[in-house]
Structures are given as C-alpha cells and as structure tokens.
Amino acid sequence: MDGAVFLDRDGTIIEDRGHLQSESQVVFFPETFNALRRLQREFPLFIVTNQSGRAKGILTPEDIDRVNRYVVSALAGYGIEIEDVYVCPHSREDGCECIKPNAFFIDMAAEEYGIDPRRSYSVGDHPHDVSFAGNAGGKGVYVLTGHGEKHIRELNPDTIVMPGIKEAADWILINKAMDEGGQALREGFERAVGCIKNGDVAAVPTETVYGLAANALDPVAVAKIFEMKGRPAFDPLIVHVAGIAQAESLVAFMPQEARRLAELFWPGPLTLVLPKNERVPDIVTSGLPTVAVRTPDHPLALALIQETDIPLAAPSANRFGRTSPTTAEHVRQEFGDELEAVIPGEACRIGVESTIISFADEKPFLLRPGGLPIEDIERVIGTLSPCPPQSESPGAPGMLPRHYAPQTPLVLDSALEDVQLTGRRKGLLAMQEVGNERRWDKVETLSECGDLQEIAANLFAGLRRLDAADLDIIVAETVTEEGLGRAVMDRLRRAAHDG
C-alpha cells in the first residue's frame, strides 16, 4: 500500500478567516495549486478539518458542506483531485474520537482507500496536525501560515517546520524520494553535495532531463561545465534556483508577469530570462545582460539546491549538441569516470527541456518551446510576442539550429522525398504503433496511442536507442504542433541532419 497526504484546510491551503459560512470567504494561498498538483503525482490527497463552529452553534452542517464542496471544486478546476474530506464537528471539550491529534480519520482512510498510514504525511498549522500523522506511524509537517506562528513554541524540537504549503510539499517529496532510493541514492546525493560545495560538477536528475550542475556563482566551477560538455562559450546556461526568493537574489528586477508565471508554474519546466545583477558571473550568461532562471520540479534537484544553498548552473548532462540524457545510465555513457557524482534516479518525467520565456524586451516572448505548453502560459499573461531575430550568439540555452542530435543521420518523414533509403539500414522513430514494421530494421515507438506526454518523455531515450543500433539513417515521424507537440518538433528539427 502507498501512503497519502492529509491536509488541514484553514491556514494550510486556504487562509484562516474564522468560521467560514460561504464560498465568498474562501481565499486560497497562491502556492496551493502548484504544491498540490506536485503532491498528487505521488500521493492521494485528503482534507481533514476541525469545524468546532458546528458544536458552538456558529455553523450549520450545510455551511460546512457548502464551503468544503467549493474548496474541492476549485481545486478540481486546477486538475487536483481530493479523495475525501473528513470533518470533525466537535469542540475539544467533547472528548470525541475524531478530533486531531487522534488518528481516527487516517485509520478510516486506511480502511476505505487502502492507504498505508506509516507512509503517510499530514500538513497543518497546529501542533495537533503534526501529531495527527505521527500517531498513525507517519510524519507530520508544520507550516507557519494560518496560526502557525502563534503555536510554534508548543512544538517538539524535532518537528519539521516549513514556511508554507509549497515548502511542505518540497519536503514531503524529497523525504519520499530519499526513503525509497535507499543507500545508493543517499551516497550519490552526498557525493553530489560535496562536489558542488568544492567547486566541482555533479549530474542531477530534473523533471525535464539530467543536468550537469555546478555552483552558478563560481566562474571556475561553471567553466568546468563548458569544458566537459565541449560547449561553446557563447551559449548561455540556465541557473536552477530553490524558488522566487533565490531567483530575485540573481536578477535586477522581476516584472509582475514573470512573478505571476513563477508563482503558478514553479517548480516546473519553465525558464524565465530576466535582467541579471552583478552576482551572476558573465560566463554563465555568455556576456549577456540577462540570466535564465527556473526552479526544477524534481525532489532530488530541489534537495541539492537546498542542501548546498547554492544556485546551480545546470545544462543537460551530455556532450554539446548530442541527444539529451533522461536517465543516469545515459549520463554515464556520455562521461564515464569523468564525473565523480551522478545522483541515481528514475527516468526524467517530462523528458524534454524547459520552455523559455524572455522578459528582456518590453513584452515577453517565447525563446524555446518545452515541457510547459505555450497555451498554459498564454492563458495567464496573454499572447506572447514573436521572438526577435536571433543573432549569431543565442539569447538563451538550446537556441542553436543544430542541437540534440544523434550521431546517426536523422531526417523527418516530411522530407523523405529527397532521401535515398534503399540499401540502407534504417530505423523509425514512431510517435505511435505502426502497422508495417518489417520495412524498418529497428523501430522505436514512443507511445502506443500517440499520447504527447509519453512521446515527449520517451523522445530522447528513443533517439539514443536508435543511435546505438548501427543504423545508416533514422526517420522520425512528425506530430501536430500543439501543446507538447511544439517542443517535440522543435527538438526533432534541431536534431535532423543527413550526414
């Protein structure tokens, strides 16, 4: 059985405004939606709320139900599913079984939904919210929102305390990854921490691809990245940060639209290009007055940034121009013993690099499509301006016309009329299952049903397998350029060459 996350309602995911009677009184914390979306990938989510206003005659059952249904509905609008809402309508003087810190509702969820209490977490702004999971064998996280500051002196010294729901989600996901990764992961992580602090380079998984990371504020450490990759000095790097506060320590200013995107989509596959300040070495930005920053949505990458307290320059962990790595094994194939630290992890969830939006001009514009669909961004800040013409030096990472390329010549199926296939060992990069595989010497199918998320996640791994198959040519099918399809086609065009 897997664990679950049990969320206190008021003061944790919505503002604590007393005894709420109507939807109009509900105000979500800005970080709630992205934090719960991330938690939902790993855990079922439950809300457990004590509504003592019922016992005091302030609230009716209908009031409580109305507000809870609104909270669940509003979260559903952001793609977040709440498995159940458990309500204790009693005052503490009632001595009921269901009031926290009693594990009554966790035990109920174990029976009704099959969750494992020992692998579960609770989050809340009262000491009882922390003890709630602890009394069931799980772990509690205390947040300083709501009444958190008021009760902080009542906590046990070993209580995990976080500023809010975003940081609580970070800690839970990091803790889960470390618990499940075992000794090999912990040792690899500790080696990576040592390398970063000592001015060296380490490979770290992110949700997009594996990155080759070094201290972004140390020019000598960053130079090692360029040397290992064989990357030209005119190609700038992305700096990975723990969140908005660390990003602001690197930039001259953050426009309101950029902040709004960061609040909604960080951690996540979105890079913002912003005017840099003097802390950022010129080698990171290739002399440009802007720096590219993002917060990775991967527990191990976040843990490395937080443990070292260092922003990380981290381009993809491959030789320059080659296919990006999405597993630790891909990184080892590229660098062998050159890298002292490669943090082991599962295959990267998204599989293509981040979307890059520049705020270097009067209006924001798209520099590179990636793991966050453009449509999602434009719903927040409106239609993006066209990208200005590029000079010989790229304005952001991944902008060179030839990039992400296998060593085997690759052509798009839309350009086959000019390519001779007869007598050549040929492979097919298929977006979904194909009917006639016998005309190909090797076929890599990225998704059985043509699902764009699966296609993006498997793209670079599929290219690597074809590149290792002793072929003369690779033919790549194309996809519709909508959503993640834009990023897929961008990478395939940059990878295409006829040898």
Protein backbone atom coordinates (compact mmCIF):
# COMPACT_ATOMS: atom_id res chain seq x y z
CA MET A 1 0.00 0.00 0.00
CA ASP A 2 1.09 3.58 -0.73
CA GLY A 3 0.79 6.47 1.68
CA ALA A 4 -1.33 9.60 1.41
CA VAL A 5 -1.14 13.28 2.36
CA PHE A 6 -3.69 14.65 4.84
CA LEU A 7 -4.13 18.41 4.63
CA ASP A 8 -5.53 20.70 7.27
CA ARG A 9 -7.85 23.11 5.47
CA ASP A 10 -7.82 26.55 7.12
CA GLY A 11 -4.42 28.15 7.41
CA THR A 12 -2.75 25.48 5.27
CA ILE A 13 -4.33 25.50 1.80
CA ILE A 14 -6.73 28.44 2.33
CA GLU A 15 -6.45 31.49 4.56
CA ASP A 16 -7.80 31.08 8.08
CA ARG A 17 -10.65 33.59 8.26
CA GLY A 18 -12.56 32.12 11.16
CA HIS A 19 -15.73 30.08 10.81
CA LEU A 20 -16.39 30.11 7.06
CA GLN A 21 -20.03 30.04 6.00
CA SER A 22 -19.88 30.79 2.27
CA GLU A 23 -17.73 30.39 -0.83
CA SER A 24 -17.02 34.13 -0.93
CA GLN A 25 -14.95 33.84 2.24
CA VAL A 26 -12.54 31.27 0.78
CA VAL A 27 -9.12 32.60 -0.27
CA PHE A 28 -6.50 30.08 -1.43
CA PHE A 29 -2.82 30.64 -0.78
CA PRO A 30 -1.15 31.33 -4.16
CA GLU A 31 1.21 28.36 -3.74
CA THR A 32 -1.58 25.88 -3.01
CA PHE A 33 -2.43 24.81 -6.54
CA ASN A 34 1.07 24.01 -7.79
CA ALA A 35 2.03 22.41 -4.48
CA LEU A 36 -0.97 20.05 -4.50
CA ARG A 37 -0.52 19.25 -8.20
CA ARG A 38 3.00 18.09 -7.41
CA LEU A 39 1.97 16.09 -4.35
CA GLN A 40 -0.84 14.47 -6.32
CA ARG A 41 1.63 12.78 -8.66
CA GLU A 42 2.92 10.74 -5.72
CA PHE A 43 0.05 10.61 -3.21
CA PRO A 44 -3.73 10.56 -2.90
CA LEU A 45 -4.84 13.76 -1.14
CA PHE A 46 -7.31 14.13 1.74
CA ILE A 47 -8.58 17.16 3.63
CA VAL A 48 -9.12 16.77 7.38
CA THR A 49 -10.72 19.78 9.03
CA ASN A 50 -11.93 20.50 12.53
CA GLN A 51 -15.05 22.70 12.41
CA SER A 52 -15.74 23.45 16.06
CA GLY A 53 -18.14 26.18 14.95
CA ARG A 54 -20.71 23.43 14.48
CA ALA A 55 -20.57 22.47 18.16
CA LYS A 56 -20.71 26.14 19.15
CA GLY A 57 -23.79 26.80 17.05
CA ILE A 58 -21.95 29.22 14.73
CA LEU A 59 -22.00 26.92 11.70
CA THR A 60 -24.64 24.59 10.33
CA PRO A 61 -23.84 21.28 8.62
CA GLU A 62 -24.95 22.96 5.39
CA ASP A 63 -22.43 25.79 5.88
CA ILE A 64 -19.59 23.35 6.38
CA ASP A 65 -20.60 21.19 3.43
CA ARG A 66 -21.03 24.23 1.16
CA VAL A 67 -17.53 25.53 1.83
CA ASN A 68 -15.92 22.11 1.57
CA ARG A 69 -17.63 21.39 -1.73
CA TYR A 70 -16.45 24.74 -3.06
CA VAL A 71 -12.83 24.06 -1.98
CA VAL A 72 -12.88 20.64 -3.65
CA SER A 73 -14.46 22.07 -6.81
CA ALA A 74 -11.98 24.95 -7.02
CA LEU A 75 -9.05 22.53 -6.67
CA ALA A 76 -10.57 20.28 -9.35
CA GLY A 77 -10.51 23.27 -11.69
CA TYR A 78 -6.73 23.17 -11.38
CA GLY A 79 -6.60 19.43 -12.01
CA ILE A 80 -6.31 18.49 -8.32
CA GLU A 81 -8.42 15.61 -7.03
CA ILE A 82 -9.28 15.37 -3.35
CA GLU A 83 -10.09 11.78 -2.45
CA ASP A 84 -12.26 12.70 0.54
CA VAL A 85 -12.95 15.44 3.06
CA TYR A 86 -13.17 14.37 6.69
CA VAL A 87 -14.82 16.76 9.16
CA CYS A 88 -14.70 16.74 12.95
CA PRO A 89 -17.65 18.95 14.06
CA HIS A 90 -16.79 18.83 17.77
CA SER A 91 -15.12 21.05 20.34
CA ARG A 92 -12.12 19.66 22.15
CA GLU A 93 -14.17 19.55 25.36
CA ASP A 94 -16.42 16.94 23.73
CA GLY A 95 -13.67 14.33 24.00
CA CYS A 96 -14.57 12.83 20.62
CA GLU A 97 -12.54 10.15 18.82
CA CYS A 98 -12.33 12.05 15.55
CA ILE A 99 -10.58 15.25 16.65
CA LYS A 100 -6.88 15.63 15.88
CA PRO A 101 -4.31 14.54 17.05
CA ASN A 102 -6.28 11.27 17.19
CA ALA A 103 -5.54 9.26 14.05
CA PHE A 104 -9.24 8.43 13.59
CA PHE A 105 -9.54 9.74 10.02
CA ILE A 106 -6.20 8.28 8.90
CA ASP A 107 -7.40 4.89 10.13
CA MET A 108 -10.66 5.46 8.26
CA ALA A 109 -8.79 6.27 5.04
CA ALA A 110 -6.66 3.14 5.50
CA GLU A 111 -9.80 1.03 5.69
CA GLU A 112 -11.77 2.79 2.93
CA TYR A 113 -8.98 3.60 0.44
CA GLY A 114 -6.23 1.11 1.29
CA ILE A 115 -3.57 3.71 2.13
CA ASP A 116 -0.62 2.89 4.38
CA PRO A 117 -0.61 5.18 7.47
CA ARG A 118 3.12 4.55 8.03
CA ARG A 119 3.94 6.02 4.63
CA SER A 120 1.57 8.96 5.02
CA TYR A 121 2.06 12.63 5.89
CA SER A 122 -0.04 15.36 7.45
CA VAL A 123 0.36 19.10 6.94
CA GLY A 124 -1.10 21.82 9.13
CA ASP A 125 -0.67 24.98 11.20
CA HIS A 126 -1.29 23.47 14.65
CA PRO A 127 0.83 21.03 16.68
CA HIS A 128 -2.07 18.56 16.61
CA ASP A 129 -1.86 18.49 12.79
CA VAL A 130 1.71 17.24 13.10
CA SER A 131 0.93 14.64 15.78
CA PHE A 132 -2.06 13.50 13.71
CA ALA A 133 0.13 11.56 11.24
CA GLY A 134 2.73 10.71 13.87
CA ASN A 135 0.11 8.88 15.95
CA ALA A 136 -0.60 6.70 12.91
CA GLY A 137 3.08 5.92 12.30
CA GLY A 138 3.53 8.58 9.61
CA LYS A 139 5.17 12.01 9.55
CA GLY A 140 3.79 15.50 10.11
CA VAL A 141 4.88 18.84 8.66
CA TYR A 142 4.13 22.13 10.42
CA VAL A 143 3.51 25.30 8.38
CA LEU A 144 3.85 28.87 9.58
CA THR A 145 0.81 30.13 7.68
CA GLY A 146 -2.54 30.46 9.46
CA HIS A 147 -1.99 30.05 13.22
CA GLY A 148 1.48 28.59 12.69
CA GLU A 149 3.41 31.49 14.21
CA LYS A 150 1.06 31.54 17.22
CA HIS A 151 1.67 27.92 18.24
CA ILE A 152 5.30 27.46 17.22
CA ARG A 153 6.57 27.45 20.83
CA GLU A 154 4.37 24.41 21.55
CA LEU A 155 6.22 22.21 19.06
CA ASN A 156 8.63 19.39 19.84
CA PRO A 157 12.23 20.32 18.96
CA ASP A 158 12.40 17.72 16.17
CA THR A 159 9.25 18.96 14.37
CA ILE A 160 9.63 19.66 10.65
CA VAL A 161 8.69 23.35 10.23
CA MET A 162 8.14 24.95 6.81
CA PRO A 163 7.06 28.46 5.76
CA GLY A 164 4.02 27.26 3.83
CA ILE A 165 2.39 24.60 1.68
CA LYS A 166 4.91 24.93 -1.17
CA GLU A 167 7.87 24.21 1.09
CA ALA A 168 5.93 21.46 2.87
CA ALA A 169 5.31 19.77 -0.48
CA ASP A 170 9.02 20.10 -1.32
CA TRP A 171 10.00 18.44 1.96
CA ILE A 172 7.49 15.59 1.60
CA LEU A 173 8.58 14.78 -1.95
CA ILE A 174 12.27 14.95 -1.05
CA ASN A 175 11.74 12.77 2.03
CA LYS A 176 9.81 10.19 -0.02
CA ALA A 177 12.49 10.08 -2.71
CA MET A 178 15.24 9.61 -0.15
CA ASP A 179 13.34 6.91 1.71
CA GLU A 180 12.63 4.96 -1.46
CA GLY A 181 16.04 5.49 -3.06
CA GLY A 182 17.92 3.62 -0.38
CA GLN A 183 21.60 3.71 0.43
CA ALA A 184 22.83 4.11 -3.16
CA LEU A 185 20.77 7.25 -3.62
CA ARG A 186 21.85 8.74 -0.30
CA GLU A 187 25.52 8.09 -1.07
CA GLY A 188 25.19 9.55 -4.58
CA PHE A 189 23.42 12.60 -3.20
CA GLU A 190 26.08 13.19 -0.56
CA ARG A 191 28.82 12.92 -3.20
CA ALA A 192 26.96 15.49 -5.30
CA VAL A 193 26.65 17.87 -2.33
CA GLY A 194 30.39 17.58 -1.73
CA CYS A 195 31.20 18.19 -5.38
CA ILE A 196 29.05 21.30 -5.59
CA LYS A 197 30.44 22.79 -2.37
CA ASN A 198 34.01 22.04 -3.52
CA GLY A 199 33.59 23.81 -6.86
CA ASP A 200 33.21 20.64 -8.91
CA VAL A 201 30.50 19.23 -11.19
CA ALA A 202 27.74 16.68 -10.47
CA ALA A 203 24.94 15.15 -12.55
CA VAL A 204 21.45 15.59 -11.12
CA PRO A 205 18.03 14.49 -12.36
CA THR A 206 15.35 17.07 -13.04
CA GLU A 207 11.82 16.59 -14.30
CA THR A 208 12.97 17.54 -17.83
CA VAL A 209 16.40 15.90 -18.41
CA TYR A 210 19.53 15.13 -16.37
CA GLY A 211 21.62 18.24 -15.71
CA LEU A 212 25.35 18.81 -15.35
CA ALA A 213 25.38 21.04 -12.28
CA ALA A 214 27.90 23.39 -10.69
CA ASN A 215 27.88 26.46 -8.46
CA ALA A 216 26.44 29.21 -10.68
CA LEU A 217 28.26 31.89 -8.65
CA ASP A 218 31.71 30.31 -9.12
CA PRO A 219 33.18 31.12 -12.58
CA VAL A 220 35.81 28.38 -12.29
CA ALA A 221 33.20 25.73 -11.48
CA VAL A 222 31.00 26.89 -14.36
CA ALA A 223 34.00 26.75 -16.70
CA LYS A 224 34.26 23.02 -15.92
CA ILE A 225 30.76 22.52 -17.31
CA PHE A 226 31.74 24.17 -20.59
CA GLU A 227 34.92 22.11 -20.75
CA MET A 228 33.24 18.77 -20.02
CA LYS A 229 30.41 19.35 -22.49
CA GLY A 230 32.58 20.93 -25.18
CA ARG A 231 30.01 23.73 -25.12
CA PRO A 232 30.86 26.98 -26.93
CA ALA A 233 31.31 29.94 -24.60
CA PHE A 234 28.68 31.97 -26.47
CA ASP A 235 25.88 29.56 -25.41
CA PRO A 236 24.41 30.71 -22.04
CA LEU A 237 23.33 28.41 -19.21
CA ILE A 238 20.16 28.10 -17.15
CA VAL A 239 20.52 28.73 -13.43
CA HIS A 240 18.39 26.46 -11.22
CA VAL A 241 17.09 28.03 -8.01
CA ALA A 242 15.05 26.91 -5.00
CA GLY A 243 12.26 29.40 -5.66
CA ILE A 244 11.32 33.02 -6.32
CA ALA A 245 13.34 34.42 -3.42
CA GLN A 246 16.60 32.87 -4.65
CA ALA A 247 15.82 33.92 -8.22
CA GLU A 248 15.36 37.52 -7.05
CA SER A 249 18.83 37.43 -5.49
CA LEU A 250 20.24 36.98 -9.01
CA VAL A 251 18.19 39.46 -11.03
CA ALA A 252 17.97 43.24 -11.23
CA PHE A 253 14.18 43.07 -11.12
CA MET A 254 11.35 40.64 -11.80
CA PRO A 255 8.38 42.01 -13.79
CA GLN A 256 4.94 41.30 -12.38
CA GLU A 257 4.05 38.99 -15.28
CA ALA A 258 7.21 36.96 -14.67
CA ARG A 259 6.40 36.72 -10.97
CA ARG A 260 2.88 35.53 -11.77
CA LEU A 261 4.24 32.77 -14.01
CA ALA A 262 6.75 31.74 -11.35
CA GLU A 263 4.04 31.59 -8.70
CA LEU A 264 1.88 29.35 -10.87
CA PHE A 265 4.43 27.14 -12.62
CA TRP A 266 7.47 26.89 -10.34
CA PRO A 267 8.68 24.34 -9.54
CA GLY A 268 8.23 23.25 -13.14
CA PRO A 269 9.61 23.19 -16.69
CA LEU A 270 9.53 26.97 -17.19
CA THR A 271 12.63 29.15 -17.58
CA LEU A 272 12.40 32.93 -17.29
CA VAL A 273 15.02 35.17 -18.89
CA LEU A 274 15.40 38.29 -16.73
CA PRO A 275 17.86 41.20 -16.36
CA LYS A 276 20.73 39.92 -14.22
CA ASN A 277 22.52 41.63 -11.36
CA GLU A 278 26.24 41.75 -10.57
CA ARG A 279 26.20 38.47 -8.58
CA VAL A 280 25.89 36.39 -11.76
CA PRO A 281 29.25 35.76 -13.48
CA ASP A 282 29.42 36.67 -17.17
CA ILE A 283 30.49 33.12 -18.06
CA VAL A 284 27.03 31.88 -17.02
CA THR A 285 25.22 34.31 -19.32
CA SER A 286 27.84 34.36 -22.10
CA GLY A 287 28.22 38.08 -21.51
CA LEU A 288 24.52 38.83 -21.96
CA PRO A 289 22.80 41.30 -19.59
CA THR A 290 20.15 38.68 -18.81
CA VAL A 291 20.11 35.41 -16.88
CA ALA A 292 17.88 32.39 -17.44
CA VAL A 293 16.41 31.00 -14.18
CA ARG A 294 13.99 28.27 -13.20
CA THR A 295 13.00 26.09 -10.23
CA PRO A 296 13.17 22.38 -11.12
CA ASP A 297 10.21 20.16 -10.23
CA HIS A 298 12.25 17.20 -9.04
CA PRO A 299 12.77 16.36 -5.35
CA LEU A 300 16.45 15.47 -5.76
CA ALA A 301 17.32 18.60 -7.73
CA LEU A 302 15.49 20.74 -5.18
CA ALA A 303 17.18 18.89 -2.33
CA LEU A 304 20.61 19.55 -3.84
CA ILE A 305 19.93 23.28 -4.18
CA GLN A 306 18.52 23.49 -0.67
CA GLU A 307 21.24 21.39 0.97
CA THR A 308 24.06 23.38 -0.64
CA ASP A 309 22.20 26.71 -0.51
CA ILE A 310 23.74 27.40 -3.92
CA PRO A 311 22.04 28.27 -7.23
CA LEU A 312 23.11 25.71 -9.82
CA ALA A 313 24.09 26.26 -13.42
CA ALA A 314 22.88 23.02 -14.98
CA PRO A 315 22.67 22.42 -18.72
CA SER A 316 21.80 18.94 -19.97
CA ALA A 317 24.39 16.32 -18.98
CA ASN A 318 25.61 15.37 -22.46
CA ARG A 319 28.35 16.33 -24.88
CA PHE A 320 27.47 19.51 -26.69
CA GLY A 321 24.92 19.08 -29.46
CA ARG A 322 24.21 15.46 -28.60
CA THR A 323 20.92 13.90 -27.53
CA SER A 324 19.91 14.96 -24.03
CA PRO A 325 20.07 12.32 -21.24
CA THR A 326 16.94 11.26 -19.36
CA THR A 327 18.50 8.51 -17.16
CA ALA A 328 21.61 8.17 -15.02
CA GLU A 329 22.84 5.48 -17.42
CA HIS A 330 22.69 7.96 -20.32
CA VAL A 331 24.94 10.29 -18.32
CA ARG A 332 27.43 7.52 -17.59
CA GLN A 333 27.50 6.61 -21.30
CA GLU A 334 28.45 10.22 -22.08
CA PHE A 335 31.05 10.88 -19.39
CA GLY A 336 32.14 7.59 -17.84
CA ASP A 337 34.60 8.16 -15.00
CA GLU A 338 34.93 11.89 -15.70
CA LEU A 339 32.03 12.51 -13.31
CA GLU A 340 32.57 11.73 -9.64
CA ALA A 341 28.90 12.18 -8.72
CA VAL A 342 25.82 11.04 -10.64
CA ILE A 343 22.68 11.07 -8.48
CA PRO A 344 20.70 7.96 -9.41
CA GLY A 345 17.02 8.37 -10.13
CA GLU A 346 14.12 7.19 -12.25
CA ALA A 347 13.80 8.31 -15.87
CA CYS A 348 13.01 12.02 -16.10
CA ARG A 349 9.25 12.52 -16.05
CA ILE A 350 8.84 15.13 -18.80
CA GLY A 351 11.81 14.22 -20.99
CA VAL A 352 12.25 17.48 -22.95
CA GLU A 353 13.88 20.66 -21.73
CA SER A 354 12.03 23.60 -20.23
CA THR A 355 10.03 26.24 -22.05
CA ILE A 356 11.94 29.54 -22.13
CA ILE A 357 10.15 32.91 -21.94
CA SER A 358 12.20 36.11 -22.19
CA PHE A 359 11.40 39.31 -20.33
CA ALA A 360 14.41 41.08 -21.81
CA ASP A 361 12.21 43.25 -24.04
CA GLU A 362 9.17 45.44 -23.46
CA LYS A 363 6.84 42.46 -23.89
CA PRO A 364 7.51 38.78 -23.03
CA PHE A 365 8.28 36.46 -25.92
CA LEU A 366 8.93 32.75 -26.49
CA LEU A 367 12.55 31.75 -26.95
CA ARG A 368 12.13 27.96 -26.85
CA PRO A 369 9.09 25.67 -26.61
CA GLY A 370 9.48 22.97 -23.99
CA GLY A 371 7.88 20.98 -21.20
CA LEU A 372 5.28 23.62 -20.28
CA PRO A 373 2.79 24.13 -23.15
CA ILE A 374 2.66 27.67 -24.56
CA GLU A 375 -1.12 27.58 -24.26
CA ASP A 376 -0.85 27.34 -20.45
CA ILE A 377 1.42 30.39 -20.34
CA GLU A 378 -0.72 32.49 -22.65
CA ARG A 379 -3.81 31.79 -20.52
CA VAL A 380 -2.03 33.65 -17.71
CA ILE A 381 -0.24 36.57 -19.41
CA GLY A 382 -1.86 36.76 -22.84
CA THR A 383 -0.44 36.16 -26.30
CA LEU A 384 3.34 36.11 -26.40
CA SER A 385 5.14 38.45 -28.76
CA PRO A 386 7.09 36.95 -31.70
CA CYS A 387 10.70 36.13 -30.94
CA PRO A 388 13.06 38.85 -32.27
CA PRO A 389 15.54 37.73 -34.98
CA GLN A 390 18.44 35.80 -33.42
CA SER A 391 22.00 36.98 -33.76
CA GLU A 392 24.89 34.56 -34.24
CA SER A 393 25.10 34.22 -30.45
CA PRO A 394 21.97 32.66 -28.94
CA GLY A 395 19.95 34.65 -26.42
CA ALA A 396 19.12 31.56 -24.37
CA PRO A 397 20.16 27.91 -23.99
CA GLY A 398 19.14 25.41 -26.67
CA MET A 399 18.71 28.03 -29.40
CA LEU A 400 21.34 26.83 -31.87
CA PRO A 401 19.92 25.50 -35.17
CA ARG A 402 21.69 22.13 -34.75
CA HIS A 403 21.22 20.61 -31.32
CA TYR A 404 20.01 17.46 -29.52
CA ALA A 405 21.39 15.41 -32.44
CA PRO A 406 22.22 11.68 -32.61
CA GLN A 407 25.39 10.71 -34.45
CA THR A 408 23.32 8.70 -36.94
CA PRO A 409 21.83 10.92 -39.69
CA LEU A 410 18.21 11.80 -38.90
CA VAL A 411 15.51 13.04 -41.27
CA LEU A 412 11.88 13.93 -40.72
CA ASP A 413 9.32 11.82 -42.57
CA SER A 414 8.04 15.03 -44.19
CA ALA A 415 11.40 15.36 -46.01
CA LEU A 416 11.71 11.76 -47.23
CA GLU A 417 11.19 12.58 -50.90
CA ASP A 418 14.77 13.86 -51.06
CA VAL A 419 16.32 10.90 -49.19
CA GLN A 420 17.54 7.56 -50.55
CA LEU A 421 16.55 4.69 -48.23
CA THR A 422 17.10 1.68 -50.49
CA GLY A 423 20.01 -0.47 -49.38
CA ARG A 424 20.48 1.41 -46.11
CA ARG A 425 19.93 0.14 -42.58
CA LYS A 426 17.09 2.34 -41.45
CA GLY A 427 15.29 2.97 -38.17
CA LEU A 428 11.96 4.61 -37.45
CA LEU A 429 11.19 6.90 -34.54
CA ALA A 430 7.44 6.29 -34.40
CA MET A 431 5.05 8.52 -32.47
CA GLN A 432 2.61 5.61 -32.07
CA GLU A 433 2.30 1.98 -33.11
CA VAL A 434 2.93 1.39 -36.83
CA GLY A 435 1.32 -1.27 -38.99
CA ASN A 436 4.26 -2.28 -41.20
CA GLU A 437 7.40 -2.62 -39.11
CA ARG A 438 9.14 -5.05 -41.47
CA ARG A 439 10.30 -2.27 -43.82
CA TRP A 440 12.41 -0.96 -40.93
CA ASP A 441 15.50 -2.52 -39.39
CA LYS A 442 14.55 -1.08 -35.98
CA VAL A 443 11.50 0.76 -34.70
CA GLU A 444 11.25 2.83 -31.51
CA THR A 445 7.62 3.53 -30.61
CA LEU A 446 7.31 6.49 -28.24
CA SER A 447 3.64 5.96 -27.33
CA GLU A 448 1.23 3.16 -28.18
CA CYS A 449 -1.65 5.61 -28.64
CA GLY A 450 0.17 8.81 -29.67
CA ASP A 451 -0.09 10.49 -26.25
CA LEU A 452 2.01 13.68 -26.36
CA GLN A 453 3.18 13.41 -22.75
CA GLU A 454 4.50 9.89 -23.38
CA ILE A 455 6.05 10.97 -26.67
CA ALA A 456 7.91 13.86 -25.02
CA ALA A 457 9.01 11.76 -22.05
CA ASN A 458 10.41 8.99 -24.29
CA LEU A 459 11.80 11.14 -27.11
CA PHE A 460 15.48 11.36 -26.17
CA ALA A 461 15.69 7.80 -24.84
CA GLY A 462 14.19 6.51 -28.09
CA LEU A 463 16.67 8.53 -30.13
CA ARG A 464 19.55 7.18 -28.08
CA ARG A 465 18.47 3.56 -28.64
CA LEU A 466 18.20 4.10 -32.38
CA ASP A 467 21.56 5.86 -32.41
CA ALA A 468 23.13 2.76 -30.77
CA ALA A 469 21.54 0.30 -33.25
CA ASP A 470 24.20 0.52 -36.01
CA LEU A 471 21.83 2.17 -38.49
CA ASP A 472 22.63 4.21 -41.57
CA ILE A 473 19.70 6.58 -41.13
CA ILE A 474 16.88 7.39 -38.69
CA VAL A 475 13.49 8.57 -39.91
CA ALA A 476 11.40 10.49 -37.38
CA GLU A 477 7.65 10.84 -37.66
CA THR A 478 6.18 14.27 -37.00
CA VAL A 479 3.40 15.36 -34.63
CA THR A 480 0.89 18.18 -34.59
CA GLU A 481 2.46 21.33 -33.16
CA GLU A 482 0.08 21.88 -30.28
CA GLY A 483 0.85 21.64 -26.56
CA LEU A 484 3.95 19.49 -26.01
CA GLY A 485 3.97 18.78 -29.76
CA ARG A 486 5.70 22.13 -30.27
CA ALA A 487 8.61 21.09 -28.06
CA VAL A 488 8.86 17.67 -29.72
CA MET A 489 9.01 19.16 -33.20
CA ASP A 490 11.49 21.83 -32.10
CA ARG A 491 13.87 19.14 -30.84
CA LEU A 492 13.44 16.96 -33.92
CA ARG A 493 14.15 19.84 -36.31
CA ARG A 494 17.32 20.72 -34.41
CA ALA A 495 18.36 17.05 -34.35
CA ALA A 496 17.75 16.49 -38.07
CA HIS A 497 20.79 16.17 -40.30
CA ASP A 498 21.55 13.98 -43.31
CA GLY A 499 25.18 13.18 -42.54
